[in-house]
Amino acid sequence: MELLFVALGGVVLGLAARYALPRRDTHGALLVPAIGAIAASVVWAALTWVGLKFDGGWIWVASLAVAGIVAALASAFLGRQRRASDAELLTKLSRA
């Protein structure tokens, strides 16, 4: 059950990253929240395998912090890559 709450927290942090950072028009509405949910879930699972208890505070802090950072980095990277790819395609099509 806690994994569900962690994934939901990753979605919320992904939504915050999507709407707080620029270039949100370059990727889908659910891509960054999905990346946040996946990051939070993977970190949560890894930390439980390491031995942290699911009712401890540090597993929550680490999972949600990593999810927020990964979502913000993904949003920035995806926006930059898409703009560069679109500009390259425009110059390629303009020459033809």
PDB file of N, CA and C in Angstrom:
ATOM      1  N   MET A   1       0.814  -1.183   0.000  1.00  0.00           N
ATOM      2  CA  MET A   1       0.000   0.000   0.000  1.00  0.00           C
ATOM      3  C   MET A   1       0.865   1.257   0.000  1.00  0.00           C
ATOM      4  N   GLU A   2       1.982   1.190   0.720  1.00  0.00           N
ATOM      5  CA  GLU A   2       2.854   2.355   0.766  1.00  0.00           C
ATOM      6  C   GLU A   2       3.457   2.662  -0.604  1.00  0.00           C
ATOM      7  N   LEU A   3       3.709   1.624  -1.387  1.00  0.00           N
ATOM      8  CA  LEU A   3       4.255   1.832  -2.732  1.00  0.00           C
ATOM      9  C   LEU A   3       3.284   2.637  -3.588  1.00  0.00           C
ATOM     10  N   LEU A   4       1.993   2.410  -3.403  1.00  0.00           N
ATOM     11  CA  LEU A   4       0.984   3.183  -4.124  1.00  0.00           C
ATOM     12  C   LEU A   4       1.068   4.660  -3.744  1.00  0.00           C
ATOM     13  N   PHE A   5       1.224   4.934  -2.459  1.00  0.00           N
ATOM     14  CA  PHE A   5       1.327   6.328  -2.006  1.00  0.00           C
ATOM     15  C   PHE A   5       2.618   6.987  -2.493  1.00  0.00           C
ATOM     16  N   VAL A   6       3.693   6.222  -2.542  1.00  0.00           N
ATOM     17  CA  VAL A   6       4.957   6.759  -3.047  1.00  0.00           C
ATOM     18  C   VAL A   6       4.834   7.078  -4.532  1.00  0.00           C
ATOM     19  N   ALA A   7       4.203   6.183  -5.289  1.00  0.00           N
ATOM     20  CA  ALA A   7       4.000   6.440  -6.719  1.00  0.00           C
ATOM     21  C   ALA A   7       3.123   7.667  -6.927  1.00  0.00           C
ATOM     22  N   LEU A   8       2.094   7.817  -6.120  1.00  0.00           N
ATOM     23  CA  LEU A   8       1.233   8.995  -6.216  1.00  0.00           C
ATOM     24  C   LEU A   8       2.008  10.269  -5.877  1.00  0.00           C
ATOM     25  N   GLY A   9       2.880  10.191  -4.883  1.00  0.00           N
ATOM     26  CA  GLY A   9       3.737  11.334  -4.571  1.00  0.00           C
ATOM     27  C   GLY A   9       4.664  11.674  -5.725  1.00  0.00           C
ATOM     28  N   GLY A  10       5.187  10.646  -6.412  1.00  0.00           N
ATOM     29  CA  GLY A  10       6.019  10.886  -7.591  1.00  0.00           C
ATOM     30  C   GLY A  10       5.239  11.555  -8.710  1.00  0.00           C
ATOM     31  N   VAL A  11       3.978  11.163  -8.875  1.00  0.00           N
ATOM     32  CA  VAL A  11       3.129  11.800  -9.888  1.00  0.00           C
ATOM     33  C   VAL A  11       2.917  13.272  -9.551  1.00  0.00           C
ATOM     34  N   VAL A  12       2.636  13.558  -8.297  1.00  0.00           N
ATOM     35  CA  VAL A  12       2.412  14.950  -7.880  1.00  0.00           C
ATOM     36  C   VAL A  12       3.674  15.784  -8.078  1.00  0.00           C
ATOM     37  N   LEU A  13       4.816  15.237  -7.724  1.00  0.00           N
ATOM     38  CA  LEU A  13       6.072  15.968  -7.935  1.00  0.00           C
ATOM     39  C   LEU A  13       6.375  16.124  -9.422  1.00  0.00           C
ATOM     40  N   GLY A  14       6.030  15.127 -10.220  1.00  0.00           N
ATOM     41  CA  GLY A  14       6.196  15.239 -11.666  1.00  0.00           C
ATOM     42  C   GLY A  14       5.299  16.312 -12.260  1.00  0.00           C
ATOM     43  N   LEU A  15       4.069  16.398 -11.762  1.00  0.00           N
ATOM     44  CA  LEU A  15       3.179  17.471 -12.218  1.00  0.00           C
ATOM     45  C   LEU A  15       3.715  18.838 -11.831  1.00  0.00           C
ATOM     46  N   ALA A  16       4.257  18.929 -10.628  1.00  0.00           N
ATOM     47  CA  ALA A  16       4.841  20.204 -10.191  1.00  0.00           C
ATOM     48  C   ALA A  16       6.032  20.575 -11.072  1.00  0.00           C
ATOM     49  N   ALA A  17       6.859  19.603 -11.399  1.00  0.00           N
ATOM     50  CA  ALA A  17       8.014  19.877 -12.265  1.00  0.00           C
ATOM     51  C   ALA A  17       7.550  20.272 -13.662  1.00  0.00           C
ATOM     52  N   ARG A  18       6.511  19.616 -14.154  1.00  0.00           N
ATOM     53  CA  ARG A  18       6.018  19.919 -15.500  1.00  0.00           C
ATOM     54  C   ARG A  18       5.523  21.360 -15.588  1.00  0.00           C
ATOM     55  N   TYR A  19       4.770  21.788 -14.610  1.00  0.00           N
ATOM     56  CA  TYR A  19       4.181  23.117 -14.689  1.00  0.00           C
ATOM     57  C   TYR A  19       5.062  24.219 -14.110  1.00  0.00           C
ATOM     58  N   ALA A  20       6.115  23.871 -13.416  1.00  0.00           N
ATOM     59  CA  ALA A  20       7.020  24.884 -12.864  1.00  0.00           C
ATOM     60  C   ALA A  20       8.148  25.234 -13.827  1.00  0.00           C
ATOM     61  N   LEU A  21       8.494  24.306 -14.700  1.00  0.00           N
ATOM     62  CA  LEU A  21       9.626  24.520 -15.601  1.00  0.00           C
ATOM     63  C   LEU A  21       9.140  24.929 -16.992  1.00  0.00           C
ATOM     64  N   PRO A  22       9.966  25.659 -17.731  1.00  0.00           N
ATOM     65  CA  PRO A  22       9.554  26.078 -19.078  1.00  0.00           C
ATOM     66  C   PRO A  22       9.596  24.918 -20.075  1.00  0.00           C
ATOM     67  N   ARG A  23       9.126  25.186 -21.273  1.00  0.00           N
ATOM     68  CA  ARG A  23       9.103  24.256 -22.405  1.00  0.00           C
ATOM     69  C   ARG A  23       8.188  23.049 -22.172  1.00  0.00           C
ATOM     70  N   ARG A  24       7.104  23.262 -21.441  1.00  0.00           N
ATOM     71  CA  ARG A  24       6.190  22.155 -21.212  1.00  0.00           C
ATOM     72  C   ARG A  24       5.368  21.834 -22.455  1.00  0.00           C
ATOM     73  N   ASP A  25       5.429  22.703 -23.448  1.00  0.00           N
ATOM     74  CA  ASP A  25       4.698  22.445 -24.695  1.00  0.00           C
ATOM     75  C   ASP A  25       5.442  21.475 -25.618  1.00  0.00           C
ATOM     76  N   THR A  26       6.613  21.021 -25.214  1.00  0.00           N
ATOM     77  CA  THR A  26       7.404  20.152 -26.083  1.00  0.00           C
ATOM     78  C   THR A  26       7.249  18.666 -25.773  1.00  0.00           C
ATOM     79  N   HIS A  27       6.491  18.335 -24.744  1.00  0.00           N
ATOM     80  CA  HIS A  27       6.269  16.924 -24.431  1.00  0.00           C
ATOM     81  C   HIS A  27       4.866  16.737 -23.889  1.00  0.00           C
ATOM     82  N   GLY A  28       4.441  15.503 -23.815  1.00  0.00           N
ATOM     83  CA  GLY A  28       3.087  15.174 -23.398  1.00  0.00           C
ATOM     84  C   GLY A  28       2.796  15.529 -21.950  1.00  0.00           C
ATOM     85  N   ALA A  29       1.520  15.630 -21.647  1.00  0.00           N
ATOM     86  CA  ALA A  29       1.088  16.054 -20.317  1.00  0.00           C
ATOM     87  C   ALA A  29       1.389  15.019 -19.245  1.00  0.00           C
ATOM     88  N   LEU A  30       1.455  13.755 -19.596  1.00  0.00           N
ATOM     89  CA  LEU A  30       1.651  12.706 -18.599  1.00  0.00           C
ATOM     90  C   LEU A  30       3.052  12.129 -18.575  1.00  0.00           C
ATOM     91  N   LEU A  31       3.929  12.582 -19.450  1.00  0.00           N
ATOM     92  CA  LEU A  31       5.262  11.994 -19.528  1.00  0.00           C
ATOM     93  C   LEU A  31       6.086  12.278 -18.264  1.00  0.00           C
ATOM     94  N   VAL A  32       6.196  13.508 -17.872  1.00  0.00           N
ATOM     95  CA  VAL A  32       7.009  13.864 -16.707  1.00  0.00           C
ATOM     96  C   VAL A  32       6.407  13.315 -15.400  1.00  0.00           C
ATOM     97  N   PRO A  33       5.080  13.382 -15.195  1.00  0.00           N
ATOM     98  CA  PRO A  33       4.528  12.730 -13.997  1.00  0.00           C
ATOM     99  C   PRO A  33       4.766  11.220 -13.980  1.00  0.00           C
ATOM    100  N   ALA A  34       4.721  10.575 -15.134  1.00  0.00           N
ATOM    101  CA  ALA A  34       5.006   9.136 -15.180  1.00  0.00           C
ATOM    102  C   ALA A  34       6.466   8.856 -14.830  1.00  0.00           C
ATOM    103  N   ILE A  35       7.361   9.700 -15.289  1.00  0.00           N
ATOM    104  CA  ILE A  35       8.777   9.545 -14.940  1.00  0.00           C
ATOM    105  C   ILE A  35       8.968   9.727 -13.438  1.00  0.00           C
ATOM    106  N   GLY A  36       8.272  10.682 -12.838  1.00  0.00           N
ATOM    107  CA  GLY A  36       8.344  10.881 -11.401  1.00  0.00           C
ATOM    108  C   GLY A  36       7.830   9.669 -10.628  1.00  0.00           C
ATOM    109  N   ALA A  37       6.735   9.086 -11.085  1.00  0.00           N
ATOM    110  CA  ALA A  37       6.180   7.897 -10.422  1.00  0.00           C
ATOM    111  C   ALA A  37       7.123   6.708 -10.533  1.00  0.00           C
ATOM    112  N   ILE A  38       7.706   6.523 -11.695  1.00  0.00           N
ATOM    113  CA  ILE A  38       8.636   5.412 -11.893  1.00  0.00           C
ATOM    114  C   ILE A  38       9.882   5.594 -11.025  1.00  0.00           C
ATOM    115  N   ALA A  39      10.416   6.809 -10.994  1.00  0.00           N
ATOM    116  CA  ALA A  39      11.613   7.060 -10.188  1.00  0.00           C
ATOM    117  C   ALA A  39      11.340   6.819  -8.709  1.00  0.00           C
ATOM    118  N   ALA A  40      10.207   7.305  -8.222  1.00  0.00           N
ATOM    119  CA  ALA A  40       9.876   7.110  -6.809  1.00  0.00           C
ATOM    120  C   ALA A  40       9.697   5.630  -6.488  1.00  0.00           C
ATOM    121  N   SER A  41       9.038   4.900  -7.374  1.00  0.00           N
ATOM    122  CA  SER A  41       8.802   3.474  -7.140  1.00  0.00           C
ATOM    123  C   SER A  41      10.093   2.665  -7.158  1.00  0.00           C
ATOM    124  N   VAL A  42      10.973   2.979  -8.091  1.00  0.00           N
ATOM    125  CA  VAL A  42      12.243   2.252  -8.179  1.00  0.00           C
ATOM    126  C   VAL A  42      13.111   2.518  -6.951  1.00  0.00           C
ATOM    127  N   VAL A  43      13.187   3.764  -6.531  1.00  0.00           N
ATOM    128  CA  VAL A  43      13.989   4.096  -5.347  1.00  0.00           C
ATOM    129  C   VAL A  43      13.385   3.445  -4.108  1.00  0.00           C
ATOM    130  N   TRP A  44      12.070   3.467  -3.994  1.00  0.00           N
ATOM    131  CA  TRP A  44      11.398   2.839  -2.853  1.00  0.00           C
ATOM    132  C   TRP A  44      11.718   1.342  -2.806  1.00  0.00           C
ATOM    133  N   ALA A  45      11.579   0.670  -3.941  1.00  0.00           N
ATOM    134  CA  ALA A  45      11.852  -0.769  -3.982  1.00  0.00           C
ATOM    135  C   ALA A  45      13.318  -1.059  -3.654  1.00  0.00           C
ATOM    136  N   ALA A  46      14.223  -0.262  -4.203  1.00  0.00           N
ATOM    137  CA  ALA A  46      15.654  -0.471  -3.931  1.00  0.00           C
ATOM    138  C   ALA A  46      15.962  -0.266  -2.445  1.00  0.00           C
ATOM    139  N   LEU A  47      15.364   0.736  -1.845  1.00  0.00           N
ATOM    140  CA  LEU A  47      15.629   0.999  -0.435  1.00  0.00           C
ATOM    141  C   LEU A  47      15.009  -0.057   0.476  1.00  0.00           C
ATOM    142  N   THR A  48      13.896  -0.634   0.085  1.00  0.00           N
ATOM    143  CA  THR A  48      13.344  -1.728   0.896  1.00  0.00           C
ATOM    144  C   THR A  48      14.201  -2.975   0.754  1.00  0.00           C
ATOM    145  N   TRP A  49      14.760  -3.210  -0.429  1.00  0.00           N
ATOM    146  CA  TRP A  49      15.668  -4.352  -0.606  1.00  0.00           C
ATOM    147  C   TRP A  49      16.941  -4.175   0.206  1.00  0.00           C
ATOM    148  N   VAL A  50      17.391  -2.920   0.338  1.00  0.00           N
ATOM    149  CA  VAL A  50      18.589  -2.644   1.131  1.00  0.00           C
ATOM    150  C   VAL A  50      18.324  -2.892   2.617  1.00  0.00           C
ATOM    151  N   GLY A  51      17.086  -2.729   3.027  1.00  0.00           N
ATOM    152  CA  GLY A  51      16.756  -3.012   4.415  1.00  0.00           C
ATOM    153  C   GLY A  51      16.060  -1.905   5.166  1.00  0.00           C
ATOM    154  N   LEU A  52      15.786  -0.789   4.517  1.00  0.00           N
ATOM    155  CA  LEU A  52      15.051   0.277   5.200  1.00  0.00           C
ATOM    156  C   LEU A  52      13.600  -0.158   5.410  1.00  0.00           C
ATOM    157  N   LYS A  53      13.049   0.200   6.534  1.00  0.00           N
ATOM    158  CA  LYS A  53      11.670  -0.152   6.861  1.00  0.00           C
ATOM    159  C   LYS A  53      10.711   0.794   6.152  1.00  0.00           C
ATOM    160  N   PHE A  54       9.583   0.253   5.722  1.00  0.00           N
ATOM    161  CA  PHE A  54       8.618   1.056   4.965  1.00  0.00           C
ATOM    162  C   PHE A  54       7.941   2.119   5.820  1.00  0.00           C
ATOM    163  N   ASP A  55       7.964   1.979   7.133  1.00  0.00           N
ATOM    164  CA  ASP A  55       7.337   2.977   7.986  1.00  0.00           C
ATOM    165  C   ASP A  55       8.337   3.996   8.544  1.00  0.00           C
ATOM    166  N   GLY A  56       9.569   3.947   8.062  1.00  0.00           N
ATOM    167  CA  GLY A  56      10.575   4.918   8.479  1.00  0.00           C
ATOM    168  C   GLY A  56      10.459   6.202   7.671  1.00  0.00           C
ATOM    169  N   GLY A  57      11.027   7.251   8.193  1.00  0.00           N
ATOM    170  CA  GLY A  57      10.921   8.542   7.521  1.00  0.00           C
ATOM    171  C   GLY A  57      11.903   8.727   6.375  1.00  0.00           C
ATOM    172  N   TRP A  58      13.092   8.141   6.501  1.00  0.00           N
ATOM    173  CA  TRP A  58      14.127   8.382   5.492  1.00  0.00           C
ATOM    174  C   TRP A  58      13.807   7.752   4.150  1.00  0.00           C
ATOM    175  N   ILE A  59      13.093   6.651   4.131  1.00  0.00           N
ATOM    176  CA  ILE A  59      12.730   6.032   2.865  1.00  0.00           C
ATOM    177  C   ILE A  59      11.758   6.930   2.089  1.00  0.00           C
ATOM    178  N   TRP A  60      10.886   7.599   2.818  1.00  0.00           N
ATOM    179  CA  TRP A  60       9.957   8.529   2.177  1.00  0.00           C
ATOM    180  C   TRP A  60      10.691   9.755   1.637  1.00  0.00           C
ATOM    181  N   VAL A  61      11.575  10.304   2.451  1.00  0.00           N
ATOM    182  CA  VAL A  61      12.320  11.498   2.043  1.00  0.00           C
ATOM    183  C   VAL A  61      13.183  11.197   0.823  1.00  0.00           C
ATOM    184  N   ALA A  62      13.900  10.088   0.873  1.00  0.00           N
ATOM    185  CA  ALA A  62      14.791   9.741  -0.242  1.00  0.00           C
ATOM    186  C   ALA A  62      14.003   9.459  -1.514  1.00  0.00           C
ATOM    187  N   SER A  63      12.934   8.696  -1.416  1.00  0.00           N
ATOM    188  CA  SER A  63      12.149   8.349  -2.601  1.00  0.00           C
ATOM    189  C   SER A  63      11.536   9.576  -3.247  1.00  0.00           C
ATOM    190  N   LEU A  64      10.942  10.432  -2.444  1.00  0.00           N
ATOM    191  CA  LEU A  64      10.283  11.609  -3.007  1.00  0.00           C
ATOM    192  C   LEU A  64      11.288  12.659  -3.476  1.00  0.00           C
ATOM    193  N   ALA A  65      12.410  12.783  -2.797  1.00  0.00           N
ATOM    194  CA  ALA A  65      13.432  13.736  -3.243  1.00  0.00           C
ATOM    195  C   ALA A  65      14.012  13.305  -4.588  1.00  0.00           C
ATOM    196  N   VAL A  66      14.335  12.034  -4.721  1.00  0.00           N
ATOM    197  CA  VAL A  66      14.868  11.538  -5.994  1.00  0.00           C
ATOM    198  C   VAL A  66      13.821  11.681  -7.091  1.00  0.00           C
ATOM    199  N   ALA A  67      12.563  11.406  -6.786  1.00  0.00           N
ATOM    200  CA  ALA A  67      11.504  11.541  -7.787  1.00  0.00           C
ATOM    201  C   ALA A  67      11.381  12.981  -8.273  1.00  0.00           C
ATOM    202  N   GLY A  68      11.438  13.930  -7.364  1.00  0.00           N
ATOM    203  CA  GLY A  68      11.358  15.337  -7.759  1.00  0.00           C
ATOM    204  C   GLY A  68      12.544  15.784  -8.596  1.00  0.00           C
ATOM    205  N   ILE A  69      13.726  15.348  -8.203  1.00  0.00           N
ATOM    206  CA  ILE A  69      14.933  15.718  -8.955  1.00  0.00           C
ATOM    207  C   ILE A  69      14.927  15.090 -10.339  1.00  0.00           C
ATOM    208  N   VAL A  70      14.590  13.811 -10.408  1.00  0.00           N
ATOM    209  CA  VAL A  70      14.563  13.122 -11.704  1.00  0.00           C
ATOM    210  C   VAL A  70      13.498  13.721 -12.620  1.00  0.00           C
ATOM    211  N   ALA A  71      12.335  14.039 -12.081  1.00  0.00           N
ATOM    212  CA  ALA A  71      11.272  14.639 -12.891  1.00  0.00           C
ATOM    213  C   ALA A  71      11.691  16.015 -13.417  1.00  0.00           C
ATOM    214  N   ALA A  72      12.327  16.814 -12.579  1.00  0.00           N
ATOM    215  CA  ALA A  72      12.779  18.138 -13.021  1.00  0.00           C
ATOM    216  C   ALA A  72      13.862  18.026 -14.085  1.00  0.00           C
ATOM    217  N   LEU A  73      14.811  17.132 -13.886  1.00  0.00           N
ATOM    218  CA  LEU A  73      15.868  16.940 -14.887  1.00  0.00           C
ATOM    219  C   LEU A  73      15.311  16.392 -16.191  1.00  0.00           C
ATOM    220  N   ALA A  74      14.371  15.475 -16.091  1.00  0.00           N
ATOM    221  CA  ALA A  74      13.767  14.911 -17.300  1.00  0.00           C
ATOM    222  C   ALA A  74      12.996  15.973 -18.072  1.00  0.00           C
ATOM    223  N   SER A  75      12.263  16.815 -17.362  1.00  0.00           N
ATOM    224  CA  SER A  75      11.506  17.874 -18.032  1.00  0.00           C
ATOM    225  C   SER A  75      12.435  18.847 -18.747  1.00  0.00           C
ATOM    226  N   ALA A  76      13.516  19.220 -18.092  1.00  0.00           N
ATOM    227  CA  ALA A  76      14.469  20.144 -18.716  1.00  0.00           C
ATOM    228  C   ALA A  76      15.163  19.491 -19.907  1.00  0.00           C
ATOM    229  N   PHE A  77      15.582  18.245 -19.760  1.00  0.00           N
ATOM    230  CA  PHE A  77      16.272  17.540 -20.832  1.00  0.00           C
ATOM    231  C   PHE A  77      15.354  17.313 -22.027  1.00  0.00           C
ATOM    232  N   LEU A  78      14.141  16.864 -21.780  1.00  0.00           N
ATOM    233  CA  LEU A  78      13.215  16.591 -22.879  1.00  0.00           C
ATOM    234  C   LEU A  78      12.871  17.861 -23.654  1.00  0.00           C
ATOM    235  N   GLY A  79      12.664  18.960 -22.937  1.00  0.00           N
ATOM    236  CA  GLY A  79      12.355  20.219 -23.613  1.00  0.00           C
ATOM    237  C   GLY A  79      13.505  20.712 -24.474  1.00  0.00           C
ATOM    238  N   ARG A  80      14.718  20.620 -23.943  1.00  0.00           N
ATOM    239  CA  ARG A  80      15.897  21.066 -24.694  1.00  0.00           C
ATOM    240  C   ARG A  80      16.122  20.186 -25.920  1.00  0.00           C
ATOM    241  N   GLN A  81      16.004  18.874 -25.746  1.00  0.00           N
ATOM    242  CA  GLN A  81      16.208  17.955 -26.865  1.00  0.00           C
ATOM    243  C   GLN A  81      15.161  18.152 -27.954  1.00  0.00           C
ATOM    244  N   ARG A  82      13.927  18.354 -27.560  1.00  0.00           N
ATOM    245  CA  ARG A  82      12.864  18.521 -28.543  1.00  0.00           C
ATOM    246  C   ARG A  82      13.044  19.810 -29.338  1.00  0.00           C
ATOM    247  N   ARG A  83      13.418  20.887 -28.658  1.00  0.00           N
ATOM    248  CA  ARG A  83      13.640  22.148 -29.379  1.00  0.00           C
ATOM    249  C   ARG A  83      14.801  22.023 -30.358  1.00  0.00           C
ATOM    250  N   ALA A  84      15.875  21.372 -29.944  1.00  0.00           N
ATOM    251  CA  ALA A  84      17.021  21.187 -30.835  1.00  0.00           C
ATOM    252  C   ALA A  84      16.651  20.288 -32.007  1.00  0.00           C
ATOM    253  N   SER A  85      15.905  19.247 -31.763  1.00  0.00           N
ATOM    254  CA  SER A  85      15.485  18.333 -32.824  1.00  0.00           C
ATOM    255  C   SER A  85      14.552  19.036 -33.814  1.00  0.00           C
ATOM    256  N   ASP A  86      13.646  19.852 -33.300  1.00  0.00           N
ATOM    257  CA  ASP A  86      12.737  20.589 -34.183  1.00  0.00           C
ATOM    258  C   ASP A  86      13.491  21.602 -35.038  1.00  0.00           C
ATOM    259  N   ALA A  87      14.477  22.286 -34.457  1.00  0.00           N
ATOM    260  CA  ALA A  87      15.265  23.261 -35.214  1.00  0.00           C
ATOM    261  C   ALA A  87      16.086  22.564 -36.296  1.00  0.00           C
ATOM    262  N   GLU A  88      16.650  21.420 -35.968  1.00  0.00           N
ATOM    263  CA  GLU A  88      17.427  20.659 -36.950  1.00  0.00           C
ATOM    264  C   GLU A  88      16.537  20.182 -38.095  1.00  0.00           C
ATOM    265  N   LEU A  89      15.368  19.703 -37.796  1.00  0.00           N
ATOM    266  CA  LEU A  89      14.448  19.247 -38.830  1.00  0.00           C
ATOM    267  C   LEU A  89      13.983  20.400 -39.696  1.00  0.00           C
ATOM    268  N   LEU A  90      13.762  21.569 -39.102  1.00  0.00           N
ATOM    269  CA  LEU A  90      13.345  22.730 -39.858  1.00  0.00           C
ATOM    270  C   LEU A  90      14.423  23.154 -40.853  1.00  0.00           C
ATOM    271  N   THR A  91      15.672  23.200 -40.417  1.00  0.00           N
ATOM    272  CA  THR A  91      16.753  23.564 -41.360  1.00  0.00           C
ATOM    273  C   THR A  91      16.917  22.498 -42.437  1.00  0.00           C
ATOM    274  N   LYS A  92      16.756  21.267 -42.095  1.00  0.00           N
ATOM    275  CA  LYS A  92      16.874  20.187 -43.087  1.00  0.00           C
ATOM    276  C   LYS A  92      15.759  20.273 -44.120  1.00  0.00           C
ATOM    277  N   LEU A  93      14.559  20.547 -43.687  1.00  0.00           N
ATOM    278  CA  LEU A  93      13.433  20.652 -44.607  1.00  0.00           C
ATOM    279  C   LEU A  93      13.470  21.961 -45.406  1.00  0.00           C
ATOM    280  N   SER A  94      14.063  23.004 -44.835  1.00  0.00           N
ATOM    281  CA  SER A  94      14.138  24.282 -45.524  1.00  0.00           C
ATOM    282  C   SER A  94      15.099  24.232 -46.702  1.00  0.00           C
ATOM    283  N   ARG A  95      16.126  23.399 -46.611  1.00  0.00           N
ATOM    284  CA  ARG A  95      17.099  23.278 -47.695  1.00  0.00           C
ATOM    285  C   ARG A  95      16.557  22.502 -48.879  1.00  0.00           C
ATOM    286  N   ALA A  96      15.648  21.613 -48.633  1.00  0.00           N
ATOM    287  CA  ALA A  96      15.143  20.738 -49.703  1.00  0.00           C
ATOM    288  C   ALA A  96      14.185  21.429 -50.628  1.00  0.00           C
TER     289      ALA A  96
END
